[in-house]
Amino acid sequence: ADYEQEQRELKDRAAALQEELSKSQAATVNAEKFMGIVRKHLAFEELTPTLLREMIEKIVVHECSYDENGIRRQDIEIYYSFVGKIDLPEA
């Protein structure tokens, strides 16, 4: 009984690891596709509709808010093709 239980656990673990590997491989492929687009447009001088369609998946503009000093703040999220949202550290 212990042997059969261990076999089931190992099979479950192997399936979970295989799923994780597949996700990692998909992420790698998506990152490579994105980098291909970036390399293609690396030295662009003008932001064209074609460039936007290839590089940007969607842009989310949140409702504006005001802080205690009355300064307006509006969050904008940019989701890039193949890689999604990239969180950059605030300056």
N, C-alpha and C. Protein backbone atom coordinates (compact mmCIF):
# COMPACT_ATOMS: atom_id res chain seq x y z
N ALA A 1 0.84 -1.20 0.00
CA ALA A 1 0.00 0.00 0.00
C ALA A 1 0.88 1.26 0.00
N ASP A 2 1.97 1.24 0.78
CA ASP A 2 2.87 2.39 0.83
C ASP A 2 3.53 2.61 -0.53
N TYR A 3 3.89 1.52 -1.17
CA TYR A 3 4.52 1.61 -2.48
C TYR A 3 3.57 2.25 -3.49
N GLU A 4 2.30 1.81 -3.50
CA GLU A 4 1.31 2.35 -4.44
C GLU A 4 1.05 3.83 -4.16
N GLN A 5 0.99 4.20 -2.90
CA GLN A 5 0.79 5.60 -2.54
C GLN A 5 1.97 6.45 -3.00
N GLU A 6 3.17 5.92 -2.81
CA GLU A 6 4.36 6.65 -3.24
C GLU A 6 4.37 6.80 -4.76
N GLN A 7 3.96 5.76 -5.47
CA GLN A 7 3.89 5.82 -6.94
C GLN A 7 2.90 6.91 -7.39
N ARG A 8 1.72 6.97 -6.74
CA ARG A 8 0.73 8.00 -7.08
C ARG A 8 1.28 9.39 -6.82
N GLU A 9 1.95 9.56 -5.68
CA GLU A 9 2.53 10.85 -5.34
C GLU A 9 3.60 11.26 -6.35
N LEU A 10 4.43 10.30 -6.76
CA LEU A 10 5.47 10.59 -7.74
C LEU A 10 4.87 10.95 -9.10
N LYS A 11 3.81 10.24 -9.49
CA LYS A 11 3.14 10.55 -10.75
C LYS A 11 2.52 11.94 -10.70
N ASP A 12 1.88 12.28 -9.58
CA ASP A 12 1.29 13.61 -9.41
C ASP A 12 2.37 14.68 -9.46
N ARG A 13 3.48 14.43 -8.81
CA ARG A 13 4.59 15.39 -8.77
C ARG A 13 5.19 15.56 -10.18
N ALA A 14 5.32 14.43 -10.89
CA ALA A 14 5.85 14.49 -12.26
C ALA A 14 4.91 15.30 -13.16
N ALA A 15 3.61 15.12 -13.01
CA ALA A 15 2.64 15.87 -13.81
C ALA A 15 2.72 17.36 -13.49
N ALA A 16 2.85 17.70 -12.21
CA ALA A 16 2.96 19.11 -11.81
C ALA A 16 4.23 19.73 -12.37
N LEU A 17 5.34 19.00 -12.31
CA LEU A 17 6.61 19.50 -12.85
C LEU A 17 6.53 19.67 -14.37
N GLN A 18 5.85 18.75 -15.05
CA GLN A 18 5.69 18.85 -16.50
C GLN A 18 4.86 20.09 -16.85
N GLU A 19 3.82 20.36 -16.10
CA GLU A 19 2.99 21.54 -16.33
C GLU A 19 3.80 22.82 -16.11
N GLU A 20 4.60 22.84 -15.06
CA GLU A 20 5.46 24.00 -14.77
C GLU A 20 6.48 24.21 -15.89
N LEU A 21 7.04 23.13 -16.39
CA LEU A 21 7.99 23.21 -17.50
C LEU A 21 7.32 23.77 -18.75
N SER A 22 6.12 23.33 -19.03
CA SER A 22 5.39 23.82 -20.20
C SER A 22 5.12 25.32 -20.09
N LYS A 23 4.75 25.78 -18.90
CA LYS A 23 4.50 27.20 -18.69
C LYS A 23 5.79 28.01 -18.88
N SER A 24 6.89 27.48 -18.38
CA SER A 24 8.18 28.17 -18.53
C SER A 24 8.58 28.25 -19.99
N GLN A 25 8.37 27.17 -20.72
CA GLN A 25 8.71 27.17 -22.14
C GLN A 25 7.85 28.16 -22.91
N ALA A 26 6.57 28.24 -22.58
CA ALA A 26 5.67 29.20 -23.23
C ALA A 26 6.10 30.62 -22.93
N ALA A 27 6.49 30.87 -21.68
CA ALA A 27 6.95 32.22 -21.30
C ALA A 27 8.22 32.58 -22.06
N THR A 28 9.11 31.62 -22.24
CA THR A 28 10.34 31.86 -22.99
C THR A 28 10.04 32.19 -24.45
N VAL A 29 9.14 31.45 -25.04
CA VAL A 29 8.75 31.70 -26.44
C VAL A 29 8.14 33.09 -26.57
N ASN A 30 7.25 33.45 -25.64
CA ASN A 30 6.62 34.77 -25.68
C ASN A 30 7.65 35.88 -25.51
N ALA A 31 8.60 35.69 -24.63
CA ALA A 31 9.64 36.70 -24.42
C ALA A 31 10.50 36.84 -25.68
N GLU A 32 10.78 35.73 -26.34
CA GLU A 32 11.57 35.78 -27.57
C GLU A 32 10.81 36.51 -28.68
N LYS A 33 9.50 36.27 -28.77
CA LYS A 33 8.68 36.98 -29.76
C LYS A 33 8.69 38.48 -29.48
N PHE A 34 8.53 38.85 -28.22
CA PHE A 34 8.55 40.27 -27.84
C PHE A 34 9.89 40.89 -28.17
N MET A 35 10.97 40.20 -27.86
CA MET A 35 12.30 40.73 -28.15
C MET A 35 12.52 40.88 -29.65
N GLY A 36 11.94 39.99 -30.44
CA GLY A 36 12.02 40.12 -31.89
C GLY A 36 11.37 41.41 -32.36
N ILE A 37 10.22 41.73 -31.79
CA ILE A 37 9.54 42.98 -32.13
C ILE A 37 10.37 44.17 -31.67
N VAL A 38 10.92 44.09 -30.48
CA VAL A 38 11.74 45.19 -29.95
C VAL A 38 12.95 45.41 -30.84
N ARG A 39 13.63 44.34 -31.22
CA ARG A 39 14.82 44.48 -32.08
C ARG A 39 14.45 45.10 -33.42
N LYS A 40 13.29 44.72 -33.94
CA LYS A 40 12.84 45.23 -35.24
C LYS A 40 12.61 46.73 -35.20
N HIS A 41 12.17 47.22 -34.06
CA HIS A 41 11.83 48.64 -33.93
C HIS A 41 12.75 49.36 -32.95
N LEU A 42 13.95 48.87 -32.77
CA LEU A 42 14.85 49.39 -31.76
C LEU A 42 15.17 50.87 -31.95
N ALA A 43 15.36 51.29 -33.15
CA ALA A 43 15.77 52.68 -33.39
C ALA A 43 14.65 53.48 -34.05
N PHE A 44 13.44 53.34 -33.55
CA PHE A 44 12.34 54.07 -34.17
C PHE A 44 12.42 55.55 -33.80
N GLU A 45 12.03 56.38 -34.74
CA GLU A 45 12.04 57.82 -34.52
C GLU A 45 10.63 58.37 -34.35
N GLU A 46 9.65 57.58 -34.73
CA GLU A 46 8.27 58.04 -34.66
C GLU A 46 7.40 56.89 -34.17
N LEU A 47 6.47 57.19 -33.29
CA LEU A 47 5.56 56.18 -32.78
C LEU A 47 4.40 56.05 -33.76
N THR A 48 4.43 54.98 -34.53
CA THR A 48 3.43 54.78 -35.58
C THR A 48 2.33 53.83 -35.11
N PRO A 49 1.17 53.87 -35.76
CA PRO A 49 0.11 52.92 -35.41
C PRO A 49 0.55 51.46 -35.55
N THR A 50 1.36 51.17 -36.55
CA THR A 50 1.85 49.80 -36.75
C THR A 50 2.71 49.37 -35.58
N LEU A 51 3.60 50.24 -35.15
CA LEU A 51 4.47 49.93 -34.00
C LEU A 51 3.63 49.70 -32.75
N LEU A 52 2.65 50.54 -32.53
CA LEU A 52 1.79 50.37 -31.36
C LEU A 52 1.05 49.04 -31.40
N ARG A 53 0.49 48.69 -32.56
CA ARG A 53 -0.26 47.44 -32.68
C ARG A 53 0.63 46.23 -32.42
N GLU A 54 1.88 46.30 -32.86
CA GLU A 54 2.78 45.16 -32.68
C GLU A 54 3.29 45.03 -31.25
N MET A 55 3.53 46.15 -30.59
CA MET A 55 4.18 46.10 -29.28
C MET A 55 3.21 46.16 -28.11
N ILE A 56 2.07 46.80 -28.26
CA ILE A 56 1.15 47.02 -27.14
C ILE A 56 -0.08 46.14 -27.29
N GLU A 57 -0.37 45.39 -26.24
CA GLU A 57 -1.59 44.57 -26.23
C GLU A 57 -2.78 45.42 -25.81
N LYS A 58 -2.62 46.17 -24.70
CA LYS A 58 -3.69 47.05 -24.24
C LYS A 58 -3.11 48.08 -23.28
N ILE A 59 -3.86 49.18 -23.15
CA ILE A 59 -3.50 50.24 -22.20
C ILE A 59 -4.72 50.46 -21.31
N VAL A 60 -4.52 50.39 -20.00
CA VAL A 60 -5.59 50.59 -19.03
C VAL A 60 -5.35 51.93 -18.34
N VAL A 61 -6.32 52.83 -18.46
CA VAL A 61 -6.24 54.14 -17.83
C VAL A 61 -7.22 54.14 -16.66
N HIS A 62 -6.70 54.32 -15.45
CA HIS A 62 -7.52 54.30 -14.25
C HIS A 62 -8.11 55.68 -13.97
N GLU A 63 -9.13 55.70 -13.15
CA GLU A 63 -9.75 56.96 -12.76
C GLU A 63 -8.73 57.79 -11.97
N CYS A 64 -8.78 59.09 -12.19
CA CYS A 64 -7.80 59.95 -11.51
C CYS A 64 -8.19 60.14 -10.04
N SER A 65 -7.20 60.47 -9.24
CA SER A 65 -7.41 60.75 -7.82
C SER A 65 -6.56 61.95 -7.44
N TYR A 66 -6.84 62.52 -6.29
CA TYR A 66 -6.10 63.67 -5.80
C TYR A 66 -5.54 63.35 -4.43
N ASP A 67 -4.29 63.73 -4.19
CA ASP A 67 -3.71 63.49 -2.87
C ASP A 67 -4.06 64.63 -1.93
N GLU A 68 -3.54 64.59 -0.72
CA GLU A 68 -3.87 65.59 0.30
C GLU A 68 -3.44 67.01 -0.08
N ASN A 69 -2.51 67.15 -1.02
CA ASN A 69 -2.07 68.47 -1.47
C ASN A 69 -2.82 68.95 -2.70
N GLY A 70 -3.78 68.16 -3.14
CA GLY A 70 -4.56 68.53 -4.31
C GLY A 70 -3.88 68.20 -5.63
N ILE A 71 -2.81 67.42 -5.57
CA ILE A 71 -2.09 67.04 -6.79
C ILE A 71 -2.81 65.86 -7.44
N ARG A 72 -3.09 66.01 -8.72
CA ARG A 72 -3.82 65.00 -9.48
C ARG A 72 -2.89 63.83 -9.81
N ARG A 73 -3.42 62.63 -9.66
CA ARG A 73 -2.67 61.41 -9.98
C ARG A 73 -3.57 60.50 -10.80
N GLN A 74 -3.00 59.95 -11.86
CA GLN A 74 -3.76 59.02 -12.69
C GLN A 74 -2.83 57.87 -13.08
N ASP A 75 -3.24 56.67 -12.73
CA ASP A 75 -2.43 55.50 -13.03
C ASP A 75 -2.77 54.98 -14.42
N ILE A 76 -1.74 54.61 -15.15
CA ILE A 76 -1.87 54.03 -16.48
C ILE A 76 -1.05 52.76 -16.51
N GLU A 77 -1.66 51.68 -16.95
CA GLU A 77 -0.96 50.40 -17.07
C GLU A 77 -0.83 50.05 -18.54
N ILE A 78 0.38 49.68 -18.96
CA ILE A 78 0.63 49.28 -20.34
C ILE A 78 0.95 47.79 -20.35
N TYR A 79 0.17 47.04 -21.11
CA TYR A 79 0.38 45.61 -21.26
C TYR A 79 1.00 45.37 -22.64
N TYR A 80 2.21 44.84 -22.65
CA TYR A 80 2.94 44.63 -23.88
C TYR A 80 2.59 43.27 -24.48
N SER A 81 2.67 43.17 -25.79
CA SER A 81 2.40 41.91 -26.48
C SER A 81 3.36 40.83 -26.01
N PHE A 82 2.84 39.68 -25.77
CA PHE A 82 3.58 38.46 -25.41
C PHE A 82 4.15 38.46 -24.00
N VAL A 83 4.37 39.59 -23.35
CA VAL A 83 4.97 39.59 -22.02
C VAL A 83 4.07 40.19 -20.95
N GLY A 84 3.01 40.87 -21.33
CA GLY A 84 2.09 41.43 -20.36
C GLY A 84 2.60 42.73 -19.76
N LYS A 85 2.15 43.01 -18.55
CA LYS A 85 2.50 44.24 -17.86
C LYS A 85 3.89 44.11 -17.25
N ILE A 86 4.69 45.13 -17.45
CA ILE A 86 6.03 45.16 -16.86
C ILE A 86 6.03 46.21 -15.78
N ASP A 87 6.26 45.82 -14.54
CA ASP A 87 6.29 46.75 -13.43
C ASP A 87 7.69 47.32 -13.29
N LEU A 88 7.80 48.61 -13.53
CA LEU A 88 9.09 49.28 -13.37
C LEU A 88 9.13 49.94 -12.02
N PRO A 89 10.29 50.01 -11.38
CA PRO A 89 10.39 50.68 -10.08
C PRO A 89 10.11 52.17 -10.25
N GLU A 90 9.41 52.73 -9.27
CA GLU A 90 9.10 54.15 -9.32
C GLU A 90 10.34 54.95 -9.02
N ALA A 91 10.49 56.06 -9.76
CA ALA A 91 11.68 56.91 -9.57
C ALA A 91 11.52 57.82 -8.38
